Amino acid sequence: QAAKALCAYWFEIEFDKISIVNDRIKDMDREIESKTQMQSKIKVYLAGMVAMKLKYNEKFTNATEDINRATKIAKEMVELYAMGEKLLPYESDILQILENAHSELEHFLENMNTPLEKIAQELCEHESISRMRLKAIIDDVL
């Protein structure tokens, strides 16, 4: 959850708070969303899986729902909004969006150990973290 919180803040995804129990990022109530905004939401959903892989060099079964959410957004990008490489929808475009997000997250999170540890500690102590508290932690350690 610490990785999701960090990514939601860093990639400017709207949320009031993120908790250990409920990790749903509130859906944006925008009529129009950019490709960058949708890619950022995908990164937030993949953040926990990527962080666990980086920390433990292992994959875990708790990533299923997040992978499904990220895949749903990538499919919408390609199939509904023609945000793939080609005008017509191709499965390869969906996979490419997900792989790019995964790769970018690996590079981003590799350098964020200190903030991740502080955010994880806050979540363990208080079970949730607000946007304001997250900003304070990030400002303090970076």
C-alpha atoms as a PDB file:
ATOM      1  CA  GLN A   1       0.000   0.000   0.000  1.00  0.00           C
ATOM      2  CA  ALA A   2       2.938   2.320   0.607  1.00  0.00           C
ATOM      3  CA  ALA A   3       3.940   2.074  -3.057  1.00  0.00           C
ATOM      4  CA  LYS A   4       0.386   2.830  -4.177  1.00  0.00           C
ATOM      5  CA  ALA A   5       0.203   5.836  -1.880  1.00  0.00           C
ATOM      6  CA  LEU A   6       3.554   7.164  -3.084  1.00  0.00           C
ATOM      7  CA  CYS A   7       2.642   6.681  -6.750  1.00  0.00           C
ATOM      8  CA  ALA A   8      -0.836   8.173  -6.345  1.00  0.00           C
ATOM      9  CA  TYR A   9       0.741  11.275  -4.841  1.00  0.00           C
ATOM     10  CA  TRP A  10       3.691  11.443  -7.251  1.00  0.00           C
ATOM     11  CA  PHE A  11       1.612  10.893 -10.398  1.00  0.00           C
ATOM     12  CA  GLU A  12      -1.113  13.286  -9.162  1.00  0.00           C
ATOM     13  CA  ILE A  13      -3.969  10.812  -8.843  1.00  0.00           C
ATOM     14  CA  GLU A  14      -6.771  12.163  -6.657  1.00  0.00           C
ATOM     15  CA  PHE A  15      -7.373  10.513  -3.291  1.00  0.00           C
ATOM     16  CA  ASP A  16      -8.357  11.586   0.211  1.00  0.00           C
ATOM     17  CA  LYS A  17      -6.588   8.779   2.006  1.00  0.00           C
ATOM     18  CA  ILE A  18      -5.229   5.316   1.352  1.00  0.00           C
ATOM     19  CA  SER A  19      -5.621   2.624   3.965  1.00  0.00           C
ATOM     20  CA  ILE A  20      -4.314  -0.859   4.592  1.00  0.00           C
ATOM     21  CA  VAL A  21      -7.836  -2.264   4.332  1.00  0.00           C
ATOM     22  CA  ASN A  22      -9.194  -0.227   1.419  1.00  0.00           C
ATOM     23  CA  ASP A  23      -6.817   0.647  -1.375  1.00  0.00           C
ATOM     24  CA  ARG A  24      -9.339   1.968  -3.867  1.00  0.00           C
ATOM     25  CA  ILE A  25      -8.252   5.167  -5.423  1.00  0.00           C
ATOM     26  CA  LYS A  26     -11.347   7.242  -5.953  1.00  0.00           C
ATOM     27  CA  ASP A  27     -12.354   7.269  -9.570  1.00  0.00           C
ATOM     28  CA  MET A  28     -11.826  10.566 -11.217  1.00  0.00           C
ATOM     29  CA  ASP A  29     -15.057  12.350 -11.956  1.00  0.00           C
ATOM     30  CA  ARG A  30     -13.790  13.843 -15.177  1.00  0.00           C
ATOM     31  CA  GLU A  31     -15.670  13.711 -18.406  1.00  0.00           C
ATOM     32  CA  ILE A  32     -12.406  13.859 -20.312  1.00  0.00           C
ATOM     33  CA  GLU A  33      -9.213  12.116 -19.257  1.00  0.00           C
ATOM     34  CA  SER A  34      -5.841  12.343 -20.950  1.00  0.00           C
ATOM     35  CA  LYS A  35      -3.689   9.405 -21.963  1.00  0.00           C
ATOM     36  CA  THR A  36      -1.144  10.496 -19.342  1.00  0.00           C
ATOM     37  CA  GLN A  37      -3.788  10.488 -16.589  1.00  0.00           C
ATOM     38  CA  MET A  38      -4.914   7.003 -17.554  1.00  0.00           C
ATOM     39  CA  GLN A  39      -1.311   5.767 -17.653  1.00  0.00           C
ATOM     40  CA  SER A  40      -0.773   7.209 -14.177  1.00  0.00           C
ATOM     41  CA  LYS A  41      -3.780   5.306 -12.832  1.00  0.00           C
ATOM     42  CA  ILE A  42      -2.341   2.101 -14.295  1.00  0.00           C
ATOM     43  CA  LYS A  43       0.960   2.802 -12.529  1.00  0.00           C
ATOM     44  CA  VAL A  44      -0.802   3.253  -9.201  1.00  0.00           C
ATOM     45  CA  TYR A  45      -2.532  -0.113  -9.555  1.00  0.00           C
ATOM     46  CA  LEU A  46       0.712  -1.866 -10.519  1.00  0.00           C
ATOM     47  CA  ALA A  47       2.817  -0.128  -7.850  1.00  0.00           C
ATOM     48  CA  GLY A  48       2.294  -2.674  -5.072  1.00  0.00           C
ATOM     49  CA  MET A  49       3.206  -5.607  -7.285  1.00  0.00           C
ATOM     50  CA  VAL A  50       6.343  -3.878  -8.585  1.00  0.00           C
ATOM     51  CA  ALA A  51       7.430  -2.794  -5.099  1.00  0.00           C
ATOM     52  CA  MET A  52       7.049  -6.333  -3.731  1.00  0.00           C
ATOM     53  CA  LYS A  53       9.072  -7.736  -6.630  1.00  0.00           C
ATOM     54  CA  LEU A  54      11.837  -5.183  -6.038  1.00  0.00           C
ATOM     55  CA  LYS A  55      11.928  -5.742  -2.281  1.00  0.00           C
ATOM     56  CA  TYR A  56      11.526  -9.527  -2.075  1.00  0.00           C
ATOM     57  CA  ASN A  57      12.426 -10.597  -5.634  1.00  0.00           C
ATOM     58  CA  GLU A  58       9.158 -12.527  -5.609  1.00  0.00           C
ATOM     59  CA  LYS A  59       5.623 -12.198  -6.918  1.00  0.00           C
ATOM     60  CA  PHE A  60       2.569 -12.623  -4.667  1.00  0.00           C
ATOM     61  CA  THR A  61      -1.051 -13.641  -5.244  1.00  0.00           C
ATOM     62  CA  ASN A  62      -2.548 -10.491  -3.716  1.00  0.00           C
ATOM     63  CA  ALA A  63      -1.893  -8.533  -6.921  1.00  0.00           C
ATOM     64  CA  THR A  64      -4.786 -10.098  -8.872  1.00  0.00           C
ATOM     65  CA  GLU A  65      -7.337  -7.325  -8.370  1.00  0.00           C
ATOM     66  CA  ASP A  66      -4.803  -4.592  -9.095  1.00  0.00           C
ATOM     67  CA  ILE A  67      -3.668  -6.317 -12.297  1.00  0.00           C
ATOM     68  CA  ASN A  68      -7.299  -6.628 -13.381  1.00  0.00           C
ATOM     69  CA  ARG A  69      -7.922  -2.918 -12.731  1.00  0.00           C
ATOM     70  CA  ALA A  70      -4.783  -1.883 -14.614  1.00  0.00           C
ATOM     71  CA  THR A  71      -5.673  -4.173 -17.521  1.00  0.00           C
ATOM     72  CA  LYS A  72      -9.209  -2.760 -17.657  1.00  0.00           C
ATOM     73  CA  ILE A  73      -7.855   0.770 -17.981  1.00  0.00           C
ATOM     74  CA  ALA A  74      -5.345  -0.277 -20.664  1.00  0.00           C
ATOM     75  CA  LYS A  75      -8.127  -2.032 -22.617  1.00  0.00           C
ATOM     76  CA  GLU A  76     -10.313   1.076 -22.410  1.00  0.00           C
ATOM     77  CA  MET A  77      -7.413   3.193 -23.642  1.00  0.00           C
ATOM     78  CA  VAL A  78      -6.929   0.984 -26.702  1.00  0.00           C
ATOM     79  CA  GLU A  79     -10.447  -0.238 -27.472  1.00  0.00           C
ATOM     80  CA  LEU A  80     -12.558   2.810 -26.595  1.00  0.00           C
ATOM     81  CA  TYR A  81     -10.262   5.805 -26.969  1.00  0.00           C
ATOM     82  CA  ALA A  82      -7.779   4.773 -29.709  1.00  0.00           C
ATOM     83  CA  MET A  83      -4.824   5.553 -27.430  1.00  0.00           C
ATOM     84  CA  GLY A  84      -2.764   2.628 -28.706  1.00  0.00           C
ATOM     85  CA  GLU A  85       0.031   2.877 -31.242  1.00  0.00           C
ATOM     86  CA  LYS A  86      -2.365   2.200 -34.094  1.00  0.00           C
ATOM     87  CA  LEU A  87      -5.790   3.641 -34.775  1.00  0.00           C
ATOM     88  CA  LEU A  88      -7.523   0.271 -34.563  1.00  0.00           C
ATOM     89  CA  PRO A  89      -7.360  -1.750 -31.346  1.00  0.00           C
ATOM     90  CA  TYR A  90      -4.731  -4.485 -31.067  1.00  0.00           C
ATOM     91  CA  GLU A  91      -3.986  -6.737 -28.074  1.00  0.00           C
ATOM     92  CA  SER A  92      -0.316  -5.900 -28.496  1.00  0.00           C
ATOM     93  CA  ASP A  93      -1.084  -2.247 -27.691  1.00  0.00           C
ATOM     94  CA  ILE A  94      -2.725  -3.236 -24.396  1.00  0.00           C
ATOM     95  CA  LEU A  95       0.287  -5.332 -23.457  1.00  0.00           C
ATOM     96  CA  GLN A  96       2.658  -2.530 -24.474  1.00  0.00           C
ATOM     97  CA  ILE A  97       0.865   0.008 -22.257  1.00  0.00           C
ATOM     98  CA  LEU A  98       1.062  -2.361 -19.275  1.00  0.00           C
ATOM     99  CA  GLU A  99       4.710  -3.285 -19.912  1.00  0.00           C
ATOM    100  CA  ASN A 100       5.733   0.365 -20.285  1.00  0.00           C
ATOM    101  CA  ALA A 101       4.009   1.269 -17.015  1.00  0.00           C
ATOM    102  CA  HIS A 102       5.681  -1.686 -15.280  1.00  0.00           C
ATOM    103  CA  SER A 103       9.129  -0.724 -16.577  1.00  0.00           C
ATOM    104  CA  GLU A 104       8.729   2.957 -15.658  1.00  0.00           C
ATOM    105  CA  LEU A 105       7.585   1.958 -12.164  1.00  0.00           C
ATOM    106  CA  GLU A 106      10.612  -0.272 -11.640  1.00  0.00           C
ATOM    107  CA  HIS A 107      12.940   2.633 -12.429  1.00  0.00           C
ATOM    108  CA  PHE A 108      10.935   5.046 -10.272  1.00  0.00           C
ATOM    109  CA  LEU A 109      10.559   2.788  -7.210  1.00  0.00           C
ATOM    110  CA  GLU A 110      14.188   1.592  -7.234  1.00  0.00           C
ATOM    111  CA  ASN A 111      15.172   5.042  -5.970  1.00  0.00           C
ATOM    112  CA  MET A 112      12.348   5.483  -3.467  1.00  0.00           C
ATOM    113  CA  ASN A 113      13.280   3.084  -0.648  1.00  0.00           C
ATOM    114  CA  THR A 114      13.414   5.741   2.077  1.00  0.00           C
ATOM    115  CA  PRO A 115      10.015   7.305   1.331  1.00  0.00           C
ATOM    116  CA  LEU A 116       8.465   3.849   0.908  1.00  0.00           C
ATOM    117  CA  GLU A 117       9.743   2.725   4.321  1.00  0.00           C
ATOM    118  CA  LYS A 118       8.440   5.899   6.011  1.00  0.00           C
ATOM    119  CA  ILE A 119       5.043   5.582   4.322  1.00  0.00           C
ATOM    120  CA  ALA A 120       4.834   1.885   5.237  1.00  0.00           C
ATOM    121  CA  GLN A 121       5.639   2.748   8.850  1.00  0.00           C
ATOM    122  CA  GLU A 122       2.888   5.387   8.870  1.00  0.00           C
ATOM    123  CA  LEU A 123       0.390   2.875   7.442  1.00  0.00           C
ATOM    124  CA  CYS A 124       1.335   0.282  10.070  1.00  0.00           C
ATOM    125  CA  GLU A 125       0.923   2.780  12.894  1.00  0.00           C
ATOM    126  CA  HIS A 126      -2.255   4.526  11.707  1.00  0.00           C
ATOM    127  CA  GLU A 127      -3.786   2.088   9.152  1.00  0.00           C
ATOM    128  CA  SER A 128      -4.287   4.924   6.652  1.00  0.00           C
ATOM    129  CA  ILE A 129      -2.501   7.934   5.266  1.00  0.00           C
ATOM    130  CA  SER A 130      -3.939  11.213   4.006  1.00  0.00           C
ATOM    131  CA  ARG A 131      -2.683  13.187   1.048  1.00  0.00           C
ATOM    132  CA  MET A 132      -1.440  15.933   3.394  1.00  0.00           C
ATOM    133  CA  ARG A 133       0.478  13.487   5.611  1.00  0.00           C
ATOM    134  CA  LEU A 134       1.956  11.810   2.546  1.00  0.00           C
ATOM    135  CA  LYS A 135       3.166  15.179   1.259  1.00  0.00           C
ATOM    136  CA  ALA A 136       4.792  15.923   4.617  1.00  0.00           C
ATOM    137  CA  ILE A 137       6.645  12.585   4.623  1.00  0.00           C
ATOM    138  CA  ILE A 138       7.844  12.977   1.040  1.00  0.00           C
ATOM    139  CA  ASP A 139       8.941  16.575   1.631  1.00  0.00           C
ATOM    140  CA  ASP A 140      10.819  15.464   4.756  1.00  0.00           C
ATOM    141  CA  VAL A 141      12.784  12.616   3.162  1.00  0.00           C
ATOM    142  CA  LEU A 142      13.376  14.022  -0.319  1.00  0.00           C
END
